[in-house]
Amino acid sequence: MPDTPHSTPEDSVAAIISTPVSDDRGQSLEAFKSKLRDAGLYQPLSDDTAASHDDITLLRFLRARRYDVDKAQKQFSDTEAWRKQHNVDELFRTFEANEMESARRFYPRWTGRRDKTGLPVYVYRLASIDAPLRKELESAPSERRYQRIVALYEAMTRFVLPLCSHLAAPTPVSSVTTIIDLEQISLSAMWSLRSHLQVASTMATANYPETLNTIAIVNSPSFFPTIWNWIKTWFDEGTRNKIHILGKNPGPMLRSLIDEKDIPQSYGGQLPWKFEDDPDLDNAIKEVIGEMPQGPVLFVNGSTVKL
């Protein structure tokens, strides 16, 4: 179990590029479906109704547990219980659009672009959560902060990922590539954000498994080893193995993952996008959805569905 994230040399960064997973695990998937169906956790496709969960979602739980069907069923069952406890479907359906858009300021944001394998590219610039924003964040009750995190993960898994899957067909897209920017972040600011970050990380690991493909940390400060000692316990080993340190000049390395036109200029690319901006949709995405919708929406069968 690694104690530090990977420091990725430029000549080997291509090794962290996602390779689409071919379904050579069909037998495990069918066994998983059967066990879930017997437990009342899964409804298969019928003439009258769609399956209760798509194969992409089920495969995420299997991958998270290395295709151990029993362990995957346990995590899936726990997640279904968590969704009922927090009334996730209703929470997302009724989430107020303005609050959802405002909440994006505190969490990783989609650039509107995709990496070379079709995965959406997210950026999290922690210094943008400055003292006034941290005060605003902390002014909300902890339960509402938690609900905001849930709503944004639902937006990612029910809109952004299906949209990118549609564009990458027949290759399914079930995870994201994330750039975490630590430029100008102080140790005291990181300390004040630690609870905020931990809640989001542990919730996602438990209930949205295998949605992180690659995490590229850029502009890491000299005190990063101290930060890493705080946060490494928030992630399972599989997630820790996806974290890579790209140094102060990430452009050459990121270009192995993402086309230059889709990398923000701050990180050595050509995209005039910064963390505070709305998604700058690429042309293929614009052709499908026009402009980025606000609030709770789904992407189903090639179309945006507003809730």
Protein backbone atom coordinates (compact mmCIF):
# COMPACT_ATOMS: atom_id res chain seq x y z
CA MET A 1 0.00 0.00 0.00
CA PRO A 2 1.76 3.17 -1.15
CA ASP A 3 2.49 5.87 1.42
CA THR A 4 2.93 8.60 -1.18
CA PRO A 5 1.23 9.29 -4.49
CA HIS A 6 3.09 8.56 -7.68
CA SER A 7 5.52 11.18 -8.96
CA THR A 8 5.14 10.61 -12.67
CA PRO A 9 8.16 11.07 -14.96
CA GLU A 10 7.32 12.61 -18.32
CA ASP A 11 8.46 9.57 -20.28
CA SER A 12 6.07 7.29 -18.42
CA VAL A 13 3.00 9.49 -18.05
CA ALA A 14 1.33 7.73 -20.98
CA ALA A 15 1.05 4.71 -18.73
CA ILE A 16 -1.69 6.45 -16.73
CA ILE A 17 -3.88 7.07 -19.77
CA SER A 18 -7.15 5.22 -19.32
CA THR A 19 -7.67 2.14 -21.42
CA PRO A 20 -11.36 1.37 -21.99
CA VAL A 21 -12.30 -1.80 -20.17
CA SER A 22 -13.53 -4.45 -22.56
CA ASP A 23 -16.24 -6.65 -21.16
CA ASP A 24 -14.29 -9.85 -20.72
CA ARG A 25 -15.91 -10.07 -17.30
CA GLY A 26 -19.35 -10.91 -18.64
CA GLN A 27 -19.66 -13.98 -16.48
CA SER A 28 -18.96 -11.95 -13.33
CA LEU A 29 -21.42 -9.29 -14.42
CA GLU A 30 -24.18 -11.83 -15.01
CA ALA A 31 -23.45 -13.49 -11.67
CA PHE A 32 -23.57 -10.07 -10.01
CA LYS A 33 -26.92 -9.25 -11.62
CA SER A 34 -28.32 -12.59 -10.52
CA LYS A 35 -27.30 -12.07 -6.89
CA LEU A 36 -28.65 -8.53 -6.87
CA ARG A 37 -31.92 -9.67 -8.42
CA ASP A 38 -32.31 -12.42 -5.83
CA ALA A 39 -31.68 -9.86 -3.10
CA GLY A 40 -34.30 -7.51 -4.52
CA LEU A 41 -31.66 -4.91 -5.42
CA TYR A 42 -31.85 -5.11 -9.20
CA GLN A 43 -34.64 -5.33 -11.74
CA PRO A 44 -33.54 -6.62 -15.16
CA LEU A 45 -34.74 -5.31 -18.49
CA SER A 46 -38.19 -6.50 -19.49
CA ASP A 47 -40.61 -5.82 -22.32
CA ASP A 48 -42.31 -3.17 -20.23
CA THR A 49 -39.53 -1.55 -18.18
CA ALA A 50 -35.87 -0.64 -18.43
CA ALA A 51 -33.35 -2.26 -16.14
CA SER A 52 -33.17 -0.59 -12.74
CA HIS A 53 -29.41 -0.03 -13.14
CA ASP A 54 -27.31 0.07 -16.28
CA ASP A 55 -24.33 -2.20 -16.87
CA ILE A 56 -21.89 0.71 -16.60
CA THR A 57 -22.97 1.36 -13.01
CA LEU A 58 -22.86 -2.31 -12.05
CA LEU A 59 -19.39 -2.69 -13.56
CA ARG A 60 -18.13 0.22 -11.45
CA PHE A 61 -19.04 -1.69 -8.29
CA LEU A 62 -17.44 -4.86 -9.63
CA ARG A 63 -14.21 -3.05 -10.53
CA ALA A 64 -14.11 -1.40 -7.11
CA ARG A 65 -14.08 -4.86 -5.54
CA ARG A 66 -11.83 -6.45 -8.15
CA TYR A 67 -14.69 -8.51 -9.52
CA ASP A 68 -15.34 -10.22 -6.19
CA VAL A 69 -19.11 -10.60 -6.62
CA ASP A 70 -19.89 -10.97 -2.92
CA LYS A 71 -17.88 -7.89 -1.94
CA ALA A 72 -19.40 -5.89 -4.80
CA GLN A 73 -22.89 -6.91 -3.66
CA LYS A 74 -22.11 -5.71 -0.13
CA GLN A 75 -20.98 -2.29 -1.36
CA PHE A 76 -23.90 -2.03 -3.77
CA SER A 77 -26.36 -2.95 -1.02
CA ASP A 78 -24.82 -0.38 1.33
CA THR A 79 -25.06 2.28 -1.37
CA GLU A 80 -28.71 1.48 -2.08
CA ALA A 81 -29.45 1.78 1.64
CA TRP A 82 -27.53 5.09 1.73
CA ARG A 83 -29.56 6.38 -1.25
CA LYS A 84 -32.81 5.53 0.50
CA GLN A 85 -31.64 7.06 3.78
CA HIS A 86 -30.83 10.35 2.06
CA ASN A 87 -33.69 10.16 -0.45
CA VAL A 88 -31.13 10.80 -3.19
CA ASP A 89 -33.41 10.57 -6.22
CA GLU A 90 -35.90 13.06 -4.80
CA LEU A 91 -33.12 15.31 -3.50
CA PHE A 92 -31.62 15.56 -6.96
CA ARG A 93 -34.95 15.95 -8.75
CA THR A 94 -36.00 18.87 -6.58
CA PHE A 95 -32.65 20.56 -6.06
CA GLU A 96 -32.94 24.27 -6.77
CA ALA A 97 -31.00 25.23 -9.91
CA ASN A 98 -29.41 28.41 -8.57
CA GLU A 99 -28.15 26.67 -5.46
CA MET A 100 -26.69 23.84 -7.52
CA GLU A 101 -24.82 26.26 -9.79
CA SER A 102 -23.57 28.21 -6.76
CA ALA A 103 -22.39 25.01 -5.06
CA ARG A 104 -20.12 24.21 -8.01
CA ARG A 105 -17.74 26.92 -6.77
CA PHE A 106 -16.67 24.68 -3.88
CA TYR A 107 -15.99 21.43 -5.73
CA PRO A 108 -14.21 20.07 -8.82
CA ARG A 109 -15.67 21.67 -11.94
CA TRP A 110 -16.11 20.24 -15.41
CA THR A 111 -14.18 22.20 -18.02
CA GLY A 112 -16.62 21.12 -20.74
CA ARG A 113 -13.80 19.18 -22.40
CA ARG A 114 -12.70 15.54 -22.58
CA ASP A 115 -9.38 13.73 -22.46
CA LYS A 116 -7.96 11.60 -25.26
CA THR A 117 -10.07 8.62 -24.24
CA GLY A 118 -13.31 10.61 -24.03
CA LEU A 119 -13.42 11.06 -20.25
CA PRO A 120 -14.62 14.45 -18.96
CA VAL A 121 -11.85 16.66 -17.59
CA TYR A 122 -12.50 18.27 -14.20
CA VAL A 123 -10.38 20.87 -12.40
CA TYR A 124 -10.21 21.69 -8.70
CA ARG A 125 -8.25 24.85 -7.85
CA LEU A 126 -8.25 24.97 -4.08
CA ALA A 127 -6.86 28.51 -3.79
CA SER A 128 -10.04 29.75 -5.48
CA ILE A 129 -11.89 28.79 -2.31
CA ASP A 130 -10.58 31.87 -0.54
CA ALA A 131 -11.42 33.12 2.94
CA PRO A 132 -14.78 34.74 1.99
CA LEU A 133 -15.86 31.60 0.11
CA ARG A 134 -14.76 29.38 2.99
CA LYS A 135 -16.84 31.54 5.33
CA GLU A 136 -19.81 31.22 2.98
CA LEU A 137 -19.31 27.46 2.78
CA GLU A 138 -19.17 27.09 6.55
CA SER A 139 -22.28 29.21 7.03
CA ALA A 140 -24.43 26.45 5.50
CA PRO A 141 -25.57 23.66 7.84
CA SER A 142 -23.43 20.54 7.52
CA GLU A 143 -26.42 18.50 6.33
CA ARG A 144 -27.05 20.93 3.47
CA ARG A 145 -23.38 20.93 2.51
CA TYR A 146 -23.57 17.15 2.33
CA GLN A 147 -26.70 17.32 0.16
CA ARG A 148 -24.92 19.67 -2.23
CA ILE A 149 -22.10 17.16 -2.66
CA VAL A 150 -24.65 14.44 -3.39
CA ALA A 151 -26.48 16.60 -5.94
CA LEU A 152 -23.25 17.39 -7.79
CA TYR A 153 -22.22 13.73 -7.91
CA GLU A 154 -25.66 12.87 -9.24
CA ALA A 155 -25.23 15.53 -11.92
CA MET A 156 -21.89 14.00 -12.89
CA THR A 157 -23.07 10.39 -13.00
CA ARG A 158 -26.48 11.07 -14.53
CA PHE A 159 -25.66 13.83 -17.00
CA VAL A 160 -21.96 14.36 -17.71
CA LEU A 161 -20.88 10.71 -17.84
CA PRO A 162 -23.85 9.52 -19.97
CA LEU A 163 -23.28 12.48 -22.32
CA CYS A 164 -19.62 11.57 -22.74
CA SER A 165 -20.54 7.90 -23.19
CA HIS A 166 -22.92 8.92 -25.99
CA LEU A 167 -20.08 10.72 -27.75
CA ALA A 168 -17.55 7.92 -27.17
CA ALA A 169 -19.91 5.09 -28.20
CA PRO A 170 -19.50 2.16 -28.20
CA THR A 171 -16.91 2.72 -25.45
CA PRO A 172 -18.68 3.48 -22.15
CA VAL A 173 -17.44 6.40 -20.04
CA SER A 174 -17.86 5.85 -16.32
CA SER A 175 -15.10 7.99 -14.74
CA VAL A 176 -13.40 11.36 -14.95
CA THR A 177 -9.90 12.79 -15.25
CA THR A 178 -9.27 15.43 -12.58
CA ILE A 179 -6.59 18.10 -12.29
CA ILE A 180 -6.09 19.27 -8.72
CA ASP A 181 -4.29 22.61 -8.61
CA LEU A 182 -2.50 23.47 -5.36
CA GLU A 183 -0.96 26.73 -6.57
CA GLN A 184 -1.02 29.51 -3.96
CA ILE A 185 -2.77 27.35 -1.39
CA SER A 186 -1.50 27.83 2.14
CA LEU A 187 -1.15 25.15 4.78
CA SER A 188 -3.65 26.99 6.99
CA ALA A 189 -6.19 27.13 4.15
CA MET A 190 -5.77 23.42 3.50
CA TRP A 191 -6.23 22.72 7.20
CA SER A 192 -9.45 24.76 7.26
CA LEU A 193 -10.78 22.83 4.24
CA ARG A 194 -9.80 19.37 5.46
CA SER A 195 -13.26 18.43 6.83
CA HIS A 196 -14.97 19.72 3.67
CA LEU A 197 -12.62 17.66 1.50
CA GLN A 198 -12.80 14.55 3.66
CA VAL A 199 -16.60 14.39 3.63
CA ALA A 200 -16.69 14.61 -0.16
CA SER A 201 -13.89 12.07 -0.65
CA THR A 202 -15.19 9.41 1.71
CA MET A 203 -18.77 9.74 0.47
CA ALA A 204 -17.65 9.35 -3.14
CA THR A 205 -15.40 6.37 -2.42
CA ALA A 206 -18.24 4.56 -0.68
CA ASN A 207 -21.18 5.44 -2.93
CA TYR A 208 -19.78 6.47 -6.33
CA PRO A 209 -16.96 3.95 -6.73
CA GLU A 210 -14.61 3.98 -9.69
CA THR A 211 -15.69 7.42 -10.91
CA LEU A 212 -12.13 8.76 -10.60
CA ASN A 213 -9.87 7.56 -13.38
CA THR A 214 -6.77 9.75 -13.04
CA ILE A 215 -5.99 12.49 -10.52
CA ALA A 216 -3.19 14.79 -11.65
CA ILE A 217 -1.88 17.07 -8.89
CA VAL A 218 -0.18 20.20 -10.21
CA ASN A 219 1.69 23.05 -8.53
CA SER A 220 2.17 21.05 -5.34
CA PRO A 221 3.76 23.13 -2.54
CA SER A 222 6.77 22.14 -0.48
CA PHE A 223 4.49 21.07 2.37
CA PHE A 224 2.57 18.61 0.20
CA PRO A 225 3.96 15.56 2.11
CA THR A 226 2.23 16.98 5.19
CA ILE A 227 -1.04 17.32 3.29
CA TRP A 228 -0.69 13.80 1.93
CA ASN A 229 -0.35 12.39 5.43
CA TRP A 230 -3.75 13.95 6.23
CA ILE A 231 -5.61 12.83 3.17
CA LYS A 232 -4.24 9.43 2.19
CA THR A 233 -6.50 7.63 4.63
CA TRP A 234 -9.59 9.09 2.93
CA PHE A 235 -9.05 6.90 -0.13
CA ASP A 236 -8.85 3.19 -0.71
CA GLU A 237 -5.68 1.75 -2.21
CA GLY A 238 -7.12 1.69 -5.73
CA THR A 239 -7.83 5.43 -5.61
CA ARG A 240 -4.42 6.23 -4.11
CA ASN A 241 -2.81 4.46 -7.05
CA LYS A 242 -4.58 6.87 -9.43
CA ILE A 243 -3.01 9.98 -7.89
CA HIS A 244 -0.01 11.40 -9.75
CA ILE A 245 2.22 14.38 -8.99
CA LEU A 246 2.98 16.34 -12.16
CA GLY A 247 5.14 19.12 -10.73
CA LYS A 248 5.28 22.83 -11.52
CA ASN A 249 5.29 22.47 -15.32
CA PRO A 250 2.47 20.02 -15.99
CA GLY A 251 1.84 20.94 -19.63
CA PRO A 252 4.07 18.33 -21.32
CA MET A 253 2.73 15.57 -19.11
CA LEU A 254 -0.91 16.60 -19.37
CA ARG A 255 -0.61 16.64 -23.15
CA SER A 256 -0.04 12.89 -22.97
CA LEU A 257 -3.50 12.63 -21.40
CA ILE A 258 -5.43 15.49 -22.97
CA ASP A 259 -5.25 17.26 -26.32
CA GLU A 260 -3.58 20.64 -26.00
CA LYS A 261 -6.70 22.49 -27.16
CA ASP A 262 -8.61 20.96 -24.24
CA ILE A 263 -6.07 21.78 -21.51
CA PRO A 264 -6.63 25.09 -19.69
CA GLN A 265 -3.99 27.69 -20.45
CA SER A 266 -2.98 27.77 -16.77
CA TYR A 267 -1.65 24.23 -17.19
CA GLY A 268 0.17 24.65 -20.47
CA GLY A 269 -2.72 24.20 -22.91
CA GLN A 270 -4.72 26.41 -25.22
CA LEU A 271 -8.15 26.48 -23.55
CA PRO A 272 -9.02 29.96 -22.19
CA TRP A 273 -10.84 28.52 -19.19
CA LYS A 274 -10.32 29.12 -15.51
CA PHE A 275 -11.84 27.48 -12.44
CA GLU A 276 -14.46 30.18 -11.93
CA ASP A 277 -15.86 29.69 -15.45
CA ASP A 278 -18.81 27.64 -16.65
CA PRO A 279 -17.99 24.64 -18.86
CA ASP A 280 -16.51 25.60 -22.23
CA LEU A 281 -18.16 22.89 -24.29
CA ASP A 282 -16.27 21.33 -27.18
CA ASN A 283 -17.89 21.37 -30.61
CA ALA A 284 -19.07 17.75 -30.49
CA ILE A 285 -20.84 18.35 -27.17
CA LYS A 286 -22.41 21.57 -28.47
CA GLU A 287 -23.84 19.66 -31.41
CA VAL A 288 -25.60 17.28 -29.02
CA ILE A 289 -26.86 19.57 -26.23
CA GLY A 290 -26.42 23.12 -27.51
CA GLU A 291 -25.53 24.92 -24.30
CA MET A 292 -24.84 23.61 -20.82
CA PRO A 293 -28.12 23.23 -18.91
CA GLN A 294 -28.42 24.38 -15.32
CA GLY A 295 -29.90 22.59 -12.36
CA PRO A 296 -30.83 18.91 -12.12
CA VAL A 297 -30.84 17.29 -15.55
CA LEU A 298 -30.33 13.83 -17.00
CA PHE A 299 -28.84 12.70 -20.30
CA VAL A 300 -30.96 9.83 -21.62
CA ASN A 301 -31.01 8.23 -25.05
CA GLY A 302 -29.10 11.03 -26.68
CA SER A 303 -31.09 13.91 -25.18
CA THR A 304 -31.12 16.24 -22.19
CA VAL A 305 -34.00 15.62 -19.82
CA LYS A 306 -34.83 18.39 -17.33
CA LEU A 307 -36.24 17.28 -14.01
